[in-house]
Amino acid sequence: MSDRSPACFWRVSLLAALVAAPLVATPARAQTPARTEIAVPGTARHLEAPAGVHIDKRVALDYPRLISLGRDGEMFIGSKAGIVYRLTPPYTAAEVLVRLDDYPHSAVRRGDALYVATTDALLRANYRTGATLTADDFRVVAAIPGGGGHNSRSLSLGPDDRLYVSLGIQGNCSNQYLGSGYGPDRRRGGVMVLDEGGTEPAWRPYVSGLRNPVGLAWRDDALYASNNGPDHWGFERPREVLVRAEPGRFFGMPWFQWIDGEVTRDDCIDAPPPRPPSEVTPPVATFPARSAPMGLVFLPDDHPLGVDLVAALHGSWATAPTGGAGGDPATRREPALMGVRLDEAGRHGEVVPLITGFQDAEGRRWARPVGVAVGPDGTIYFTSDTGETGLYRLTVDTSEEK
């Protein structure tokens, strides 16, 4: 028997798990500097971060979720508290732009309109910079399949100026699919794109077979999505996936899971799969099972962090070794900000830890990252919806990297 405590074992195991995704050849680029402990102004907490990184809490918010940056530097943050927040530089104060029912998880501006994705509808209001809004200013653009289970709806504005929304299936094994043969209320589990070319806007399937995709990020015209995997396989499998969401792709869930580099049938669902296993698209990269990846963002080229993507890991209630909630809290997956380095084709990635320390040795979380966004100057912003809730800022002083 080892004489290491469970907490110490977890710290070692965490870093091993975080980098356990398949390694691939990646372009030569700066390596992520060694990490060190840093204080977090605005809190009494500390984090582990690469040398030169500074993180501070900008403002407290109620259950903030995804972040988007709009025209004139305005920032919009959805919230599980039924609020859409608006912030302006330097993002040290927030105002309640509007209160809405049915969980406004995300909001984006397109032209002279603000769009909000709630659990069961895409809403639109006429909007100009600095305008005031009420709930009565919003109208329903298109219904979104609602219901229980995974109820977040992530909204993204594509480079084609179209609106995309992601939504999960209801549970681990729900017979729901974004495609033909499934009625409107059962069209869940992937990403939809809004078709505005007809008499009425309508959702069209974009990619399918994702249990609960939350983070959406664009690189040129390619969409990437993070996905929360199922709970019923235990603590170690399947690993969470990052996918390149090209139109028409099928990622298999809930019928198939990506296990140890292979497509594996999940026998928790008896309904026949809508597509064969040969059509399941492999992930770009993976994160530890039960780590609950949330927000996702591409960084500008040559960002000093030396990664292409930043992913927010929320952490889950799962504990080792069975994956149930009743085990030692010290074994829970730690919330983190992770980096992903992509190969030149953008189809394979290497995962590296960036920011850790949101969870103490006993498993208590003082913050859990959810949304993540990057400003034009490379400043990274992220939200926490648990513990020290609010908006945080991450900057890098390159003079401290050496």
Protein backbone atom coordinates (compact mmCIF):
# COMPACT_ATOMS: atom_id res chain seq x y z
CA MET A 1 0.00 0.00 0.00
CA SER A 2 1.20 3.51 -0.75
CA ASP A 3 1.66 5.87 2.19
CA ARG A 4 0.48 8.82 0.12
CA SER A 5 -2.82 10.35 1.20
CA PRO A 6 -5.77 10.22 -1.25
CA ALA A 7 -5.41 13.96 -1.76
CA CYS A 8 -1.72 13.69 -2.64
CA PHE A 9 -2.41 10.76 -4.93
CA TRP A 10 -5.10 12.80 -6.66
CA ARG A 11 -2.77 15.73 -7.30
CA VAL A 12 -0.32 13.41 -9.04
CA SER A 13 -3.03 11.51 -10.87
CA LEU A 14 -4.73 14.71 -12.03
CA LEU A 15 -1.76 15.97 -14.01
CA ALA A 16 -1.19 12.53 -15.48
CA ALA A 17 -4.83 12.29 -16.54
CA LEU A 18 -4.89 15.79 -17.96
CA VAL A 19 -2.12 15.03 -20.40
CA ALA A 20 -3.19 11.46 -21.19
CA ALA A 21 -4.83 12.38 -24.49
CA PRO A 22 -3.11 10.81 -27.51
CA LEU A 23 0.01 12.76 -28.40
CA VAL A 24 0.39 13.79 -32.02
CA ALA A 25 2.90 15.71 -34.05
CA THR A 26 2.23 19.41 -33.62
CA PRO A 27 3.87 22.41 -35.25
CA ALA A 28 6.92 23.85 -33.52
CA ARG A 29 5.80 26.58 -31.11
CA ALA A 30 6.52 27.98 -27.69
CA GLN A 31 6.21 25.49 -24.87
CA THR A 32 3.89 26.24 -21.97
CA PRO A 33 6.11 27.60 -19.18
CA ALA A 34 6.43 25.75 -15.86
CA ARG A 35 3.58 26.59 -13.53
CA THR A 36 3.86 28.33 -10.18
CA GLU A 37 1.49 29.43 -7.41
CA ILE A 38 -0.03 32.89 -7.83
CA ALA A 39 -2.35 35.01 -5.71
CA VAL A 40 -5.73 36.00 -7.16
CA PRO A 41 -6.50 39.67 -6.34
CA GLY A 42 -10.15 40.20 -5.47
CA THR A 43 -10.11 36.93 -3.53
CA ALA A 44 -8.09 35.37 -0.73
CA ARG A 45 -7.23 32.44 -3.01
CA HIS A 46 -4.29 31.09 -4.99
CA LEU A 47 -3.96 29.20 -8.27
CA GLU A 48 -1.23 27.34 -10.12
CA ALA A 49 -0.44 29.04 -13.44
CA PRO A 50 2.39 29.42 -15.98
CA ALA A 51 5.07 31.97 -15.11
CA GLY A 52 4.02 35.48 -16.06
CA VAL A 53 0.28 34.81 -15.74
CA HIS A 54 -1.80 37.18 -13.63
CA ILE A 55 -5.41 36.38 -12.68
CA ASP A 56 -7.75 38.72 -10.85
CA LYS A 57 -11.44 38.75 -10.03
CA ARG A 58 -13.12 41.61 -11.84
CA VAL A 59 -16.68 41.52 -10.50
CA ALA A 60 -19.06 39.27 -8.57
CA LEU A 61 -22.05 37.87 -10.51
CA ASP A 62 -24.91 35.47 -9.74
CA TYR A 63 -24.36 32.05 -11.39
CA PRO A 64 -22.67 33.41 -14.55
CA ARG A 65 -22.33 31.07 -17.50
CA LEU A 66 -21.14 31.77 -21.07
CA ILE A 67 -19.45 34.98 -22.22
CA SER A 68 -19.55 36.79 -25.55
CA LEU A 69 -17.84 39.99 -26.66
CA GLY A 70 -19.81 42.30 -28.94
CA ARG A 71 -19.42 45.59 -30.73
CA ASP A 72 -17.74 48.50 -28.92
CA GLY A 73 -16.21 46.19 -26.34
CA GLU A 74 -19.51 45.29 -24.71
CA MET A 75 -19.51 41.95 -22.92
CA PHE A 76 -22.62 39.82 -22.43
CA ILE A 77 -22.83 37.03 -19.86
CA GLY A 78 -25.72 34.63 -19.48
CA SER A 79 -26.69 33.37 -16.06
CA LYS A 80 -28.46 30.52 -14.33
CA ALA A 81 -30.05 33.22 -12.17
CA GLY A 82 -32.24 34.30 -15.10
CA ILE A 83 -30.11 37.34 -15.88
CA VAL A 84 -28.23 38.59 -18.93
CA TYR A 85 -25.42 40.81 -17.72
CA ARG A 86 -23.78 43.60 -19.68
CA LEU A 87 -20.27 44.86 -18.91
CA THR A 88 -18.08 47.48 -20.55
CA PRO A 89 -14.29 47.92 -20.35
CA PRO A 90 -12.52 47.49 -17.98
CA TYR A 91 -15.25 45.01 -16.94
CA THR A 92 -15.09 45.85 -13.24
CA ALA A 93 -18.80 46.57 -12.95
CA ALA A 94 -21.82 44.73 -14.29
CA GLU A 95 -25.38 45.78 -14.93
CA VAL A 96 -28.45 43.62 -15.26
CA LEU A 97 -29.36 44.17 -18.89
CA VAL A 98 -32.49 42.03 -18.73
CA ARG A 99 -34.15 39.35 -16.62
CA LEU A 100 -35.60 36.44 -18.55
CA ASP A 101 -37.34 33.22 -17.62
CA ASP A 102 -36.18 29.75 -18.68
CA TYR A 103 -32.41 30.01 -18.13
CA PRO A 104 -30.65 32.47 -20.47
CA HIS A 105 -27.39 30.49 -20.68
CA SER A 106 -25.83 32.53 -23.51
CA ALA A 107 -26.29 35.73 -25.51
CA VAL A 108 -24.64 37.16 -28.62
CA ARG A 109 -24.99 40.36 -30.60
CA ARG A 110 -25.46 40.26 -34.36
CA GLY A 111 -25.79 43.59 -36.12
CA ASP A 112 -28.45 45.67 -34.42
CA ALA A 113 -29.96 42.78 -32.50
CA LEU A 114 -29.22 40.84 -29.33
CA TYR A 115 -30.00 37.12 -29.37
CA VAL A 116 -30.43 35.01 -26.25
CA ALA A 117 -30.64 31.23 -26.12
CA THR A 118 -32.89 29.91 -23.36
CA THR A 119 -33.73 26.29 -22.75
CA ASP A 120 -36.69 26.24 -25.13
CA ALA A 121 -36.36 29.26 -27.43
CA LEU A 122 -34.06 31.60 -29.33
CA LEU A 123 -35.05 35.17 -28.45
CA ARG A 124 -34.29 38.41 -30.27
CA ALA A 125 -34.46 42.09 -29.33
CA ASN A 126 -33.52 45.16 -31.34
CA TYR A 127 -30.35 46.48 -29.80
CA ARG A 128 -27.78 49.24 -30.10
CA THR A 129 -24.71 49.83 -27.94
CA GLY A 130 -25.72 50.98 -24.47
CA ALA A 131 -29.46 50.45 -25.03
CA THR A 132 -31.78 49.49 -22.19
CA LEU A 133 -33.93 46.38 -22.56
CA THR A 134 -36.82 44.67 -20.81
CA ALA A 135 -38.21 41.17 -21.26
CA ASP A 136 -41.01 42.66 -23.36
CA ASP A 137 -38.47 43.76 -25.98
CA PHE A 138 -37.71 40.14 -26.89
CA ARG A 139 -39.63 37.98 -29.32
CA VAL A 140 -39.27 34.30 -30.09
CA VAL A 141 -37.29 33.70 -33.30
CA ALA A 142 -37.47 29.90 -33.21
CA ALA A 143 -38.42 27.31 -30.63
CA ILE A 144 -35.66 25.04 -29.28
CA PRO A 145 -36.40 21.50 -28.09
CA GLY A 146 -36.73 21.90 -24.33
CA GLY A 147 -37.62 19.61 -21.47
CA GLY A 148 -35.65 18.24 -18.54
CA GLY A 149 -32.13 16.99 -18.29
CA HIS A 150 -29.37 19.00 -19.91
CA ASN A 151 -31.01 22.40 -20.21
CA SER A 152 -28.20 24.74 -21.26
CA ARG A 153 -28.27 26.12 -24.81
CA SER A 154 -25.01 27.54 -26.14
CA LEU A 155 -25.33 30.19 -28.83
CA SER A 156 -22.58 31.08 -31.29
CA LEU A 157 -22.33 33.48 -34.22
CA GLY A 158 -20.48 31.77 -37.04
CA PRO A 159 -18.09 33.40 -39.51
CA ASP A 160 -20.88 33.02 -42.06
CA ASP A 161 -23.02 35.35 -39.89
CA ARG A 162 -25.40 32.49 -39.12
CA LEU A 163 -26.55 31.52 -35.64
CA TYR A 164 -25.63 28.13 -34.18
CA VAL A 165 -26.94 26.55 -31.00
CA SER A 166 -25.84 23.43 -29.14
CA LEU A 167 -28.06 21.26 -26.95
CA GLY A 168 -27.66 17.97 -25.14
CA ILE A 169 -29.85 14.91 -24.92
CA GLN A 170 -31.95 14.59 -21.80
CA GLY A 171 -29.86 11.96 -19.97
CA ASN A 172 -27.18 9.35 -20.49
CA CYS A 173 -29.11 7.06 -22.81
CA SER A 174 -32.05 9.10 -24.12
CA ASN A 175 -33.30 8.05 -27.56
CA GLN A 176 -32.85 11.52 -29.04
CA TYR A 177 -31.11 12.50 -32.26
CA LEU A 178 -30.71 15.55 -34.46
CA GLY A 179 -31.97 14.03 -37.68
CA SER A 180 -34.79 12.45 -39.64
CA GLY A 181 -37.07 9.98 -37.95
CA TYR A 182 -37.18 11.98 -34.73
CA GLY A 183 -39.94 14.44 -33.90
CA PRO A 184 -39.24 18.06 -32.95
CA ASP A 185 -39.21 17.40 -29.20
CA ARG A 186 -36.70 14.56 -29.61
CA ARG A 187 -34.25 16.42 -31.83
CA ARG A 188 -31.48 16.90 -29.30
CA GLY A 189 -27.82 16.02 -28.94
CA GLY A 190 -25.58 18.15 -31.16
CA VAL A 191 -25.45 21.52 -32.90
CA MET A 192 -28.17 23.17 -35.01
CA VAL A 193 -27.86 26.09 -37.40
CA LEU A 194 -30.64 28.60 -37.99
CA ASP A 195 -31.95 28.68 -41.55
CA GLU A 196 -33.40 32.14 -42.17
CA GLY A 197 -33.94 31.72 -45.90
CA GLY A 198 -37.60 30.67 -45.74
CA THR A 199 -40.77 32.35 -44.62
CA GLU A 200 -40.02 31.40 -41.01
CA PRO A 201 -36.62 30.77 -39.39
CA ALA A 202 -36.03 27.05 -38.80
CA TRP A 203 -33.31 24.95 -37.20
CA ARG A 204 -31.36 22.52 -39.37
CA PRO A 205 -29.09 19.78 -37.98
CA TYR A 206 -25.41 20.68 -38.21
CA VAL A 207 -23.71 17.87 -36.27
CA SER A 208 -25.25 15.07 -34.20
CA GLY A 209 -24.42 12.40 -31.65
CA LEU A 210 -23.13 14.56 -28.79
CA ARG A 211 -24.48 13.92 -25.30
CA ASN A 212 -24.08 17.46 -23.98
CA PRO A 213 -22.00 19.90 -26.04
CA VAL A 214 -21.45 23.21 -24.25
CA GLY A 215 -18.35 24.99 -25.56
CA LEU A 216 -18.38 26.25 -29.16
CA ALA A 217 -15.42 27.96 -30.84
CA TRP A 218 -14.54 28.85 -34.42
CA ARG A 219 -11.22 28.76 -36.24
CA ASP A 220 -11.81 30.29 -39.67
CA ASP A 221 -14.83 28.32 -40.94
CA ALA A 222 -14.32 25.25 -38.71
CA LEU A 223 -16.41 24.80 -35.58
CA TYR A 224 -15.03 22.97 -32.53
CA ALA A 225 -17.18 21.77 -29.63
CA SER A 226 -16.52 20.35 -26.18
CA ASN A 227 -18.79 17.59 -24.90
CA ASN A 228 -19.83 16.23 -21.51
CA GLY A 229 -19.77 12.44 -21.61
CA PRO A 230 -22.05 9.97 -19.80
CA ASP A 231 -22.14 9.13 -16.09
CA HIS A 232 -22.84 5.40 -16.20
CA TRP A 233 -19.42 4.09 -17.30
CA GLY A 234 -17.71 4.90 -14.00
CA PHE A 235 -14.89 7.27 -13.11
CA GLU A 236 -12.30 6.69 -15.84
CA ARG A 237 -14.32 6.09 -19.02
CA PRO A 238 -15.20 7.41 -21.45
CA ARG A 239 -12.90 10.41 -21.62
CA GLU A 240 -14.56 13.73 -22.42
CA VAL A 241 -14.12 14.75 -26.04
CA LEU A 242 -13.24 17.82 -28.05
CA VAL A 243 -14.54 17.49 -31.60
CA ARG A 244 -14.18 19.26 -34.90
CA ALA A 245 -17.83 19.77 -35.77
CA GLU A 246 -17.89 19.72 -39.55
CA PRO A 247 -21.34 19.74 -41.20
CA GLY A 248 -23.07 16.38 -41.16
CA ARG A 249 -20.67 14.72 -38.75
CA PHE A 250 -21.99 12.06 -36.34
CA PHE A 251 -20.24 11.50 -33.00
CA GLY A 252 -22.21 8.45 -31.97
CA MET A 253 -23.82 9.23 -28.62
CA PRO A 254 -25.71 7.73 -26.90
CA TRP A 255 -25.35 4.60 -29.06
CA PHE A 256 -21.56 4.63 -29.26
CA GLN A 257 -18.77 5.89 -27.03
CA TRP A 258 -15.12 6.61 -27.81
CA ILE A 259 -13.26 4.18 -25.51
CA ASP A 260 -9.48 3.69 -25.59
CA GLY A 261 -9.26 4.92 -29.18
CA GLU A 262 -12.11 2.80 -30.50
CA VAL A 263 -15.81 3.18 -31.22
CA THR A 264 -17.63 1.06 -28.64
CA ARG A 265 -21.34 0.19 -28.53
CA ASP A 266 -23.11 1.50 -25.43
CA ASP A 267 -25.63 -1.13 -24.37
CA CYS A 268 -27.57 1.27 -22.16
CA ILE A 269 -29.85 2.10 -25.11
CA ASP A 270 -31.84 -0.55 -26.96
CA ALA A 271 -33.09 1.64 -29.81
CA PRO A 272 -31.20 0.99 -33.04
CA PRO A 273 -28.59 3.63 -33.86
CA PRO A 274 -29.57 6.06 -36.64
CA ARG A 275 -26.15 5.64 -38.27
CA PRO A 276 -23.57 2.81 -38.27
CA PRO A 277 -20.39 2.85 -36.17
CA SER A 278 -18.32 3.34 -39.31
CA GLU A 279 -19.76 6.87 -39.52
CA VAL A 280 -18.70 7.91 -36.01
CA THR A 281 -16.13 10.72 -36.23
CA PRO A 282 -13.14 10.46 -33.84
CA PRO A 283 -12.43 13.33 -31.44
CA VAL A 284 -9.66 15.85 -31.91
CA ALA A 285 -8.54 15.51 -28.28
CA THR A 286 -9.80 14.19 -24.96
CA PHE A 287 -9.97 15.30 -21.35
CA PRO A 288 -10.34 13.13 -18.24
CA ALA A 289 -13.69 11.40 -17.83
CA ARG A 290 -16.20 13.25 -15.67
CA SER A 291 -14.35 16.57 -15.90
CA ALA A 292 -17.32 18.40 -17.53
CA PRO A 293 -15.78 20.64 -20.22
CA MET A 294 -17.68 23.90 -20.67
CA GLY A 295 -16.56 27.05 -22.47
CA LEU A 296 -14.07 26.96 -25.33
CA VAL A 297 -12.15 29.70 -27.11
CA PHE A 298 -9.39 30.04 -29.70
CA LEU A 299 -6.49 32.32 -28.80
CA PRO A 300 -4.82 34.72 -31.24
CA ASP A 301 -1.81 33.38 -33.12
CA ASP A 302 1.44 33.53 -31.15
CA HIS A 303 -0.34 34.01 -27.83
CA PRO A 304 2.25 33.74 -25.03
CA LEU A 305 0.43 30.79 -23.46
CA GLY A 306 1.61 28.70 -26.41
CA VAL A 307 -1.70 26.93 -27.07
CA ASP A 308 -4.40 27.23 -29.72
CA LEU A 309 -7.48 26.65 -27.58
CA VAL A 310 -8.46 27.19 -23.96
CA ALA A 311 -11.15 24.93 -22.49
CA ALA A 312 -12.88 25.47 -19.14
CA LEU A 313 -13.30 22.27 -17.13
CA HIS A 314 -16.10 22.57 -14.60
CA GLY A 315 -15.43 19.34 -12.71
CA SER A 316 -18.28 17.00 -11.71
CA TRP A 317 -19.73 15.34 -8.63
CA ALA A 318 -18.16 11.99 -9.56
CA THR A 319 -15.70 10.37 -7.15
CA ALA A 320 -13.18 7.54 -7.53
CA PRO A 321 -13.20 4.66 -7.98
CA THR A 322 -16.79 3.96 -9.04
CA GLY A 323 -17.85 7.35 -10.38
CA GLY A 324 -20.64 7.72 -7.81
CA ALA A 325 -21.11 10.83 -5.70
CA GLY A 326 -20.59 9.11 -2.34
CA GLY A 327 -16.82 8.57 -2.43
CA ASP A 328 -13.98 10.68 -1.08
CA PRO A 329 -14.51 14.29 -2.29
CA ALA A 330 -10.72 14.64 -2.63
CA THR A 331 -10.90 12.38 -5.70
CA ARG A 332 -13.33 14.55 -7.65
CA ARG A 333 -12.09 15.85 -10.98
CA GLU A 334 -10.54 19.23 -10.39
CA PRO A 335 -11.92 22.30 -12.20
CA ALA A 336 -9.25 23.78 -14.47
CA LEU A 337 -8.43 25.80 -17.52
CA MET A 338 -6.81 23.52 -20.07
CA GLY A 339 -4.89 24.32 -23.22
CA VAL A 340 -5.01 22.42 -26.52
CA ARG A 341 -2.31 22.54 -29.17
CA LEU A 342 -3.59 21.51 -32.59
CA ASP A 343 -1.66 20.04 -35.48
CA GLU A 344 -1.46 22.00 -38.72
CA ALA A 345 -4.64 20.40 -40.09
CA GLY A 346 -6.55 21.12 -36.89
CA ARG A 347 -7.68 17.49 -36.54
CA HIS A 348 -5.48 16.25 -33.69
CA GLY A 349 -4.62 17.98 -30.46
CA GLU A 350 -2.34 17.74 -27.45
CA VAL A 351 -3.86 18.74 -24.09
CA VAL A 352 -1.76 20.63 -21.53
CA PRO A 353 -2.74 21.97 -18.08
CA LEU A 354 -2.81 25.76 -17.79
CA ILE A 355 -4.61 26.90 -14.64
CA THR A 356 -5.30 24.58 -11.69
CA GLY A 357 -5.85 25.01 -7.96
CA PHE A 358 -9.60 25.71 -7.96
CA GLN A 359 -10.06 22.69 -5.68
CA ASP A 360 -8.27 22.05 -2.38
CA ALA A 361 -6.80 18.80 -1.07
CA GLU A 362 -10.11 17.83 0.55
CA GLY A 363 -12.06 18.34 -2.67
CA ARG A 364 -13.63 21.69 -1.79
CA ARG A 365 -13.98 23.97 -4.84
CA TRP A 366 -13.58 27.69 -4.37
CA ALA A 367 -14.42 28.33 -8.04
CA ARG A 368 -15.52 26.35 -11.11
CA PRO A 369 -14.80 27.82 -14.57
CA VAL A 370 -17.66 27.88 -17.08
CA GLY A 371 -17.47 30.53 -19.78
CA VAL A 372 -14.25 31.67 -21.43
CA ALA A 373 -13.60 34.44 -23.96
CA VAL A 374 -10.62 36.35 -25.33
CA GLY A 375 -10.30 40.03 -26.15
CA PRO A 376 -8.53 41.43 -29.22
CA ASP A 377 -5.42 42.11 -27.11
CA GLY A 378 -5.20 38.48 -25.98
CA THR A 379 -6.67 39.06 -22.53
CA ILE A 380 -8.63 36.00 -21.40
CA TYR A 381 -11.82 36.24 -19.37
CA PHE A 382 -13.60 33.40 -17.61
CA THR A 383 -16.58 32.98 -15.32
CA SER A 384 -17.14 30.88 -12.23
CA ASP A 385 -20.69 29.88 -11.31
CA THR A 386 -19.84 28.24 -7.97
CA GLY A 387 -18.05 29.45 -4.83
CA GLU A 388 -16.42 32.78 -5.65
CA THR A 389 -18.82 33.43 -8.50
CA GLY A 390 -18.11 36.15 -11.02
CA LEU A 391 -15.87 37.26 -13.87
CA TYR A 392 -12.09 36.75 -13.85
CA ARG A 393 -9.35 38.20 -16.04
CA LEU A 394 -6.16 36.41 -17.13
CA THR A 395 -3.23 38.34 -18.57
CA VAL A 396 0.35 37.32 -19.36
CA ASP A 397 3.40 39.46 -18.63
CA THR A 398 5.90 38.13 -21.15
CA SER A 399 8.79 39.76 -19.29
CA GLU A 400 8.18 37.28 -16.45
CA GLU A 401 8.23 34.15 -18.60
CA LYS A 402 11.98 33.61 -18.53
